[in-house]
């Protein structure tokens, strides 16, 4: 989207405008993580994913905004909720789009010795 950062919408009209910009296009999502430990320098990383949106009609955008879901979400959509219906494809980590790249965080914690017990095969 030309380097534009889409934060949380300020009002329903802003949410509609954001979703109209995303409609039928691809955009990048970046999630930054900082793991702060006592008596140590913080460990940081950024994870990136590319999200491809299907075209949305004005009626679909208005109905989605009226659901209230977009109002507290960066980019005015929640991939883990009703907004998923508009996502055609993701290149990268789904959890990056949700807001916490769990696998990458787990591997960092394992590398730092914060996770030392292998997962049991009996845990779902």
N, C-alpha and C. Protein backbone atom coordinates (compact mmCIF):
# COMPACT_ATOMS: atom_id res chain seq x y z
N UNK A 1 0.82 -1.20 0.00
CA UNK A 1 0.00 0.00 0.00
C UNK A 1 0.85 1.25 0.00
N UNK A 2 1.97 1.17 -0.65
CA UNK A 2 2.80 2.35 -0.81
C UNK A 2 3.47 2.84 0.45
N UNK A 3 3.76 1.95 1.39
CA UNK A 3 4.45 2.34 2.61
C UNK A 3 3.56 2.95 3.67
N UNK A 4 2.27 2.96 3.46
CA UNK A 4 1.33 3.50 4.44
C UNK A 4 1.18 2.52 5.60
N UNK A 5 1.25 3.03 6.81
CA UNK A 5 1.04 2.19 7.99
C UNK A 5 -0.42 2.31 8.40
N UNK A 6 -1.08 1.16 8.50
CA UNK A 6 -2.48 1.13 8.90
C UNK A 6 -2.56 0.70 10.36
N UNK A 7 -2.83 1.63 11.23
CA UNK A 7 -3.03 1.32 12.64
C UNK A 7 -4.47 0.93 12.89
N UNK A 8 -4.91 1.12 14.12
CA UNK A 8 -6.31 0.87 14.45
C UNK A 8 -7.16 2.03 13.93
N UNK A 9 -8.33 1.74 13.39
CA UNK A 9 -9.17 2.82 12.87
C UNK A 9 -9.66 3.74 13.99
N UNK A 10 -9.80 5.01 13.65
CA UNK A 10 -10.25 6.00 14.63
C UNK A 10 -11.76 6.03 14.76
N UNK A 11 -12.46 5.61 13.72
CA UNK A 11 -13.93 5.58 13.73
C UNK A 11 -14.40 4.68 12.59
N UNK A 12 -15.70 4.40 12.50
CA UNK A 12 -16.18 3.51 11.43
C UNK A 12 -15.84 3.98 10.03
N UNK A 13 -15.85 5.28 9.78
CA UNK A 13 -15.51 5.77 8.44
C UNK A 13 -14.04 5.45 8.11
N UNK A 14 -13.17 5.59 9.10
CA UNK A 14 -11.76 5.26 8.91
C UNK A 14 -11.60 3.77 8.64
N UNK A 15 -12.35 2.93 9.35
CA UNK A 15 -12.30 1.48 9.13
C UNK A 15 -12.75 1.15 7.71
N UNK A 16 -13.83 1.78 7.25
CA UNK A 16 -14.30 1.55 5.88
C UNK A 16 -13.25 1.97 4.87
N UNK A 17 -12.59 3.08 5.10
CA UNK A 17 -11.56 3.56 4.19
C UNK A 17 -10.38 2.59 4.14
N UNK A 18 -9.96 2.09 5.30
CA UNK A 18 -8.85 1.13 5.32
C UNK A 18 -9.21 -0.13 4.55
N UNK A 19 -10.38 -0.68 4.82
CA UNK A 19 -10.79 -1.91 4.17
C UNK A 19 -10.96 -1.72 2.67
N UNK A 20 -11.41 -0.54 2.26
CA UNK A 20 -11.52 -0.25 0.83
C UNK A 20 -10.14 -0.25 0.18
N UNK A 21 -9.13 0.25 0.89
CA UNK A 21 -7.76 0.24 0.37
C UNK A 21 -7.21 -1.18 0.27
N UNK A 22 -7.58 -2.05 1.22
CA UNK A 22 -7.08 -3.43 1.23
C UNK A 22 -7.79 -4.31 0.21
N UNK A 23 -9.02 -3.97 -0.13
CA UNK A 23 -9.86 -4.79 -1.00
C UNK A 23 -9.17 -5.11 -2.33
N UNK A 24 -9.06 -6.42 -2.62
CA UNK A 24 -8.50 -6.87 -3.88
C UNK A 24 -7.01 -6.65 -4.03
N UNK A 25 -6.33 -6.37 -2.93
CA UNK A 25 -4.89 -6.07 -2.98
C UNK A 25 -4.12 -6.91 -1.97
N UNK A 26 -2.81 -6.83 -2.05
CA UNK A 26 -1.92 -7.48 -1.09
C UNK A 26 -1.29 -6.41 -0.22
N UNK A 27 -0.97 -6.80 1.01
CA UNK A 27 -0.27 -5.89 1.91
C UNK A 27 0.64 -6.69 2.82
N UNK A 28 1.60 -6.00 3.42
CA UNK A 28 2.53 -6.64 4.34
C UNK A 28 2.12 -6.33 5.77
N UNK A 29 2.28 -7.34 6.61
CA UNK A 29 2.04 -7.19 8.04
C UNK A 29 3.37 -7.46 8.74
N UNK A 30 3.75 -6.56 9.63
CA UNK A 30 4.96 -6.71 10.43
C UNK A 30 4.56 -6.76 11.90
N UNK A 31 5.09 -7.74 12.62
CA UNK A 31 4.87 -7.82 14.06
C UNK A 31 6.23 -7.82 14.73
N UNK A 32 6.41 -6.86 15.63
CA UNK A 32 7.65 -6.77 16.38
C UNK A 32 7.48 -7.36 17.77
N UNK A 33 8.49 -8.07 18.22
CA UNK A 33 8.46 -8.71 19.54
C UNK A 33 9.71 -8.30 20.30
N UNK A 34 9.54 -7.99 21.57
CA UNK A 34 10.66 -7.70 22.46
C UNK A 34 10.51 -8.59 23.68
N UNK A 35 11.49 -9.44 23.90
CA UNK A 35 11.51 -10.31 25.07
C UNK A 35 12.48 -9.71 26.07
N UNK A 36 11.92 -9.17 27.14
CA UNK A 36 12.74 -8.52 28.17
C UNK A 36 12.89 -9.47 29.35
N UNK A 37 14.13 -9.71 29.72
CA UNK A 37 14.45 -10.59 30.83
C UNK A 37 15.17 -9.80 31.92
N UNK A 38 15.02 -10.17 33.18
CA UNK A 38 15.73 -9.47 34.25
C UNK A 38 17.24 -9.56 34.05
N UNK A 39 17.92 -8.46 34.30
CA UNK A 39 19.38 -8.41 34.26
C UNK A 39 19.99 -8.85 32.93
N UNK A 40 19.28 -8.60 31.84
CA UNK A 40 19.79 -8.96 30.51
C UNK A 40 19.28 -7.95 29.49
N UNK A 41 20.03 -7.83 28.42
CA UNK A 41 19.57 -6.96 27.32
C UNK A 41 18.33 -7.58 26.69
N UNK A 42 17.42 -6.76 26.23
CA UNK A 42 16.22 -7.32 25.58
C UNK A 42 16.57 -8.00 24.26
N UNK A 43 15.80 -8.98 23.91
CA UNK A 43 15.93 -9.70 22.65
C UNK A 43 14.74 -9.29 21.78
N UNK A 44 15.02 -8.86 20.56
CA UNK A 44 13.96 -8.38 19.69
C UNK A 44 14.02 -9.06 18.33
N UNK A 45 12.87 -9.12 17.69
CA UNK A 45 12.81 -9.57 16.30
C UNK A 45 11.53 -9.02 15.67
N UNK A 46 11.53 -9.02 14.35
CA UNK A 46 10.37 -8.62 13.57
C UNK A 46 10.02 -9.77 12.65
N UNK A 47 8.75 -10.07 12.56
CA UNK A 47 8.27 -11.11 11.66
C UNK A 47 7.37 -10.46 10.60
N UNK A 48 7.48 -10.93 9.38
CA UNK A 48 6.74 -10.35 8.26
C UNK A 48 5.88 -11.40 7.57
N UNK A 49 4.71 -10.99 7.15
CA UNK A 49 3.83 -11.84 6.35
C UNK A 49 3.17 -10.98 5.28
N UNK A 50 2.85 -11.59 4.17
CA UNK A 50 2.12 -10.90 3.10
C UNK A 50 0.71 -11.48 3.07
N UNK A 51 -0.28 -10.59 3.05
CA UNK A 51 -1.68 -10.99 3.08
C UNK A 51 -2.35 -10.53 1.79
N UNK A 52 -3.05 -11.44 1.14
CA UNK A 52 -3.76 -11.14 -0.11
C UNK A 52 -5.26 -11.12 0.20
N UNK A 53 -5.89 -9.97 -0.04
CA UNK A 53 -7.33 -9.80 0.21
C UNK A 53 -8.12 -10.02 -1.07
N UNK A 54 -9.27 -10.62 -0.94
CA UNK A 54 -10.20 -10.71 -2.07
C UNK A 54 -10.89 -9.35 -2.23
N UNK A 55 -11.45 -9.10 -3.40
CA UNK A 55 -12.23 -7.87 -3.55
C UNK A 55 -13.46 -7.92 -2.65
N UNK A 56 -13.78 -6.78 -2.05
CA UNK A 56 -14.95 -6.68 -1.17
C UNK A 56 -15.90 -5.63 -1.72
N UNK A 57 -17.17 -5.90 -1.61
CA UNK A 57 -18.16 -4.91 -2.03
C UNK A 57 -18.32 -3.88 -0.91
N UNK A 58 -18.85 -2.74 -1.26
CA UNK A 58 -19.13 -1.72 -0.25
C UNK A 58 -20.07 -2.25 0.83
N UNK A 59 -21.02 -3.07 0.42
CA UNK A 59 -21.97 -3.65 1.38
C UNK A 59 -21.25 -4.59 2.35
N UNK A 60 -20.32 -5.40 1.84
CA UNK A 60 -19.55 -6.29 2.71
C UNK A 60 -18.70 -5.50 3.71
N UNK A 61 -18.08 -4.44 3.22
CA UNK A 61 -17.25 -3.61 4.09
C UNK A 61 -18.10 -2.98 5.19
N UNK A 62 -19.22 -2.37 4.81
CA UNK A 62 -20.09 -1.73 5.81
C UNK A 62 -20.60 -2.74 6.84
N UNK A 63 -21.03 -3.92 6.38
CA UNK A 63 -21.54 -4.94 7.31
C UNK A 63 -20.45 -5.40 8.26
N UNK A 64 -19.24 -5.56 7.74
CA UNK A 64 -18.13 -5.99 8.59
C UNK A 64 -17.81 -4.91 9.63
N UNK A 65 -17.76 -3.68 9.21
CA UNK A 65 -17.48 -2.58 10.14
C UNK A 65 -18.59 -2.49 11.20
N UNK A 66 -19.84 -2.66 10.78
CA UNK A 66 -20.96 -2.62 11.72
C UNK A 66 -20.90 -3.74 12.75
N UNK A 67 -20.19 -4.83 12.44
CA UNK A 67 -20.03 -5.92 13.41
C UNK A 67 -19.19 -5.47 14.60
N UNK A 68 -18.43 -4.39 14.43
CA UNK A 68 -17.57 -3.87 15.49
C UNK A 68 -16.18 -4.48 15.54
N UNK A 69 -15.99 -5.62 14.90
CA UNK A 69 -14.71 -6.32 14.97
C UNK A 69 -13.51 -5.48 14.50
N UNK A 70 -13.63 -4.71 13.44
CA UNK A 70 -12.45 -3.99 12.94
C UNK A 70 -11.97 -2.85 13.82
N UNK A 71 -12.77 -2.42 14.77
CA UNK A 71 -12.48 -1.17 15.46
C UNK A 71 -11.26 -1.22 16.38
N UNK A 72 -10.86 -2.39 16.85
CA UNK A 72 -9.67 -2.46 17.71
C UNK A 72 -8.55 -3.28 17.07
N UNK A 73 -8.57 -3.32 15.74
CA UNK A 73 -7.58 -4.12 15.01
C UNK A 73 -6.78 -3.24 14.07
N UNK A 74 -5.47 -3.39 14.08
CA UNK A 74 -4.63 -2.70 13.11
C UNK A 74 -5.03 -3.16 11.71
N UNK A 75 -5.16 -2.22 10.80
CA UNK A 75 -5.58 -2.56 9.45
C UNK A 75 -7.08 -2.75 9.32
N UNK A 76 -7.80 -2.64 10.43
CA UNK A 76 -9.26 -2.74 10.47
C UNK A 76 -9.80 -4.14 10.13
N UNK A 77 -8.99 -5.18 10.42
CA UNK A 77 -9.53 -6.53 10.26
C UNK A 77 -8.87 -7.48 11.25
N UNK A 78 -9.63 -8.49 11.63
CA UNK A 78 -9.11 -9.55 12.49
C UNK A 78 -9.09 -10.85 11.71
N UNK A 79 -7.90 -11.34 11.41
CA UNK A 79 -7.79 -12.56 10.61
C UNK A 79 -8.32 -13.77 11.37
N UNK A 80 -8.34 -13.69 12.71
CA UNK A 80 -8.81 -14.80 13.53
C UNK A 80 -10.31 -14.76 13.75
N UNK A 81 -10.99 -13.79 13.13
CA UNK A 81 -12.43 -13.64 13.31
C UNK A 81 -13.15 -13.55 11.98
N UNK A 82 -14.13 -12.67 11.94
CA UNK A 82 -14.95 -12.51 10.74
C UNK A 82 -14.14 -12.01 9.55
N UNK A 83 -13.04 -11.32 9.81
CA UNK A 83 -12.20 -10.80 8.73
C UNK A 83 -11.54 -11.89 7.90
N UNK A 84 -11.47 -13.10 8.43
CA UNK A 84 -10.84 -14.22 7.71
C UNK A 84 -11.51 -14.47 6.37
N UNK A 85 -12.80 -14.17 6.28
CA UNK A 85 -13.53 -14.45 5.02
C UNK A 85 -12.99 -13.65 3.83
N UNK A 86 -12.23 -12.59 4.10
CA UNK A 86 -11.71 -11.75 3.02
C UNK A 86 -10.26 -12.07 2.66
N UNK A 87 -9.61 -12.96 3.40
CA UNK A 87 -8.20 -13.28 3.18
C UNK A 87 -8.09 -14.46 2.22
N UNK A 88 -7.56 -14.19 1.03
CA UNK A 88 -7.40 -15.24 0.02
C UNK A 88 -6.18 -16.10 0.28
N UNK A 89 -5.10 -15.46 0.73
CA UNK A 89 -3.83 -16.18 0.87
C UNK A 89 -2.93 -15.43 1.84
N UNK A 90 -2.10 -16.19 2.53
CA UNK A 90 -1.06 -15.62 3.39
C UNK A 90 0.26 -16.21 2.95
N UNK A 91 1.25 -15.37 2.78
CA UNK A 91 2.62 -15.82 2.56
C UNK A 91 3.37 -15.46 3.83
N UNK A 92 3.68 -16.48 4.62
CA UNK A 92 4.32 -16.25 5.90
C UNK A 92 3.50 -16.87 7.02
N UNK A 93 3.74 -16.39 8.20
CA UNK A 93 3.17 -16.97 9.41
C UNK A 93 1.82 -16.35 9.78
N UNK A 94 0.80 -17.18 9.86
CA UNK A 94 -0.54 -16.75 10.27
C UNK A 94 -0.49 -16.00 11.59
N UNK A 95 0.30 -16.49 12.53
CA UNK A 95 0.36 -15.87 13.86
C UNK A 95 1.03 -14.49 13.84
N UNK A 96 1.85 -14.23 12.83
CA UNK A 96 2.38 -12.89 12.65
C UNK A 96 1.24 -11.93 12.35
N UNK A 97 0.31 -12.36 11.51
CA UNK A 97 -0.83 -11.52 11.16
C UNK A 97 -1.74 -11.33 12.38
N UNK A 98 -1.88 -12.37 13.19
CA UNK A 98 -2.68 -12.26 14.41
C UNK A 98 -2.04 -11.33 15.43
N UNK A 99 -0.71 -11.23 15.43
CA UNK A 99 -0.06 -10.29 16.33
C UNK A 99 0.97 -10.88 17.26
N UNK A 100 1.19 -12.20 17.22
CA UNK A 100 2.25 -12.80 18.04
C UNK A 100 2.78 -14.03 17.31
N UNK A 101 3.96 -13.92 16.68
CA UNK A 101 4.55 -15.05 15.97
C UNK A 101 5.05 -16.11 16.95
N UNK A 102 4.16 -16.98 17.33
CA UNK A 102 4.39 -17.95 18.40
C UNK A 102 5.59 -18.86 18.14
N UNK A 103 5.70 -19.41 16.95
CA UNK A 103 6.79 -20.33 16.65
C UNK A 103 8.15 -19.63 16.77
N UNK A 104 8.24 -18.45 16.19
CA UNK A 104 9.52 -17.71 16.24
C UNK A 104 9.86 -17.34 17.69
N UNK A 105 8.86 -16.98 18.48
CA UNK A 105 9.09 -16.67 19.89
C UNK A 105 9.53 -17.91 20.65
N UNK A 106 8.88 -19.04 20.39
CA UNK A 106 9.27 -20.29 21.04
C UNK A 106 10.74 -20.62 20.75
N UNK A 107 11.14 -20.50 19.49
CA UNK A 107 12.52 -20.83 19.14
C UNK A 107 13.52 -19.88 19.79
N UNK A 108 13.17 -18.61 19.91
CA UNK A 108 14.03 -17.67 20.62
C UNK A 108 14.14 -18.07 22.08
N UNK A 109 13.03 -18.40 22.69
CA UNK A 109 13.05 -18.80 24.11
C UNK A 109 13.84 -20.09 24.31
N UNK A 110 13.73 -21.02 23.37
CA UNK A 110 14.51 -22.25 23.45
C UNK A 110 16.00 -21.95 23.31
N UNK A 111 16.34 -21.07 22.38
CA UNK A 111 17.74 -20.68 22.17
C UNK A 111 18.32 -20.03 23.42
N UNK A 112 17.50 -19.29 24.15
CA UNK A 112 17.95 -18.61 25.37
C UNK A 112 17.92 -19.52 26.60
N UNK A 113 17.50 -20.76 26.42
CA UNK A 113 17.43 -21.70 27.54
C UNK A 113 16.22 -21.52 28.43
N UNK A 114 15.21 -20.81 27.94
CA UNK A 114 14.00 -20.60 28.73
C UNK A 114 13.00 -21.73 28.57
N UNK A 115 13.21 -22.56 27.56
CA UNK A 115 12.38 -23.74 27.33
C UNK A 115 13.35 -24.90 27.24
N UNK A 116 13.28 -25.80 28.19
CA UNK A 116 14.26 -26.89 28.19
C UNK A 116 13.65 -28.26 28.14
N UNK A 117 12.35 -28.37 28.35
CA UNK A 117 11.71 -29.68 28.36
C UNK A 117 11.02 -29.90 27.02
N UNK A 118 11.37 -30.99 26.32
CA UNK A 118 10.68 -31.27 25.05
C UNK A 118 9.19 -31.47 25.30
N UNK A 119 8.40 -31.13 24.32
CA UNK A 119 6.96 -31.33 24.44
C UNK A 119 6.65 -32.83 24.47
N UNK A 120 5.77 -33.21 25.34
CA UNK A 120 5.35 -34.60 25.43
C UNK A 120 4.46 -34.95 24.23
N UNK A 121 4.63 -36.16 23.69
CA UNK A 121 3.76 -36.55 22.57
C UNK A 121 2.31 -36.74 23.02
N UNK A 122 2.08 -36.74 24.32
CA UNK A 122 0.73 -36.95 24.85
C UNK A 122 -0.04 -35.66 25.05
N UNK A 123 0.63 -34.53 24.86
CA UNK A 123 -0.04 -33.24 25.02
C UNK A 123 -0.59 -32.83 23.66
N UNK A 124 -1.89 -32.56 23.59
CA UNK A 124 -2.48 -32.19 22.28
C UNK A 124 -1.98 -30.85 21.80
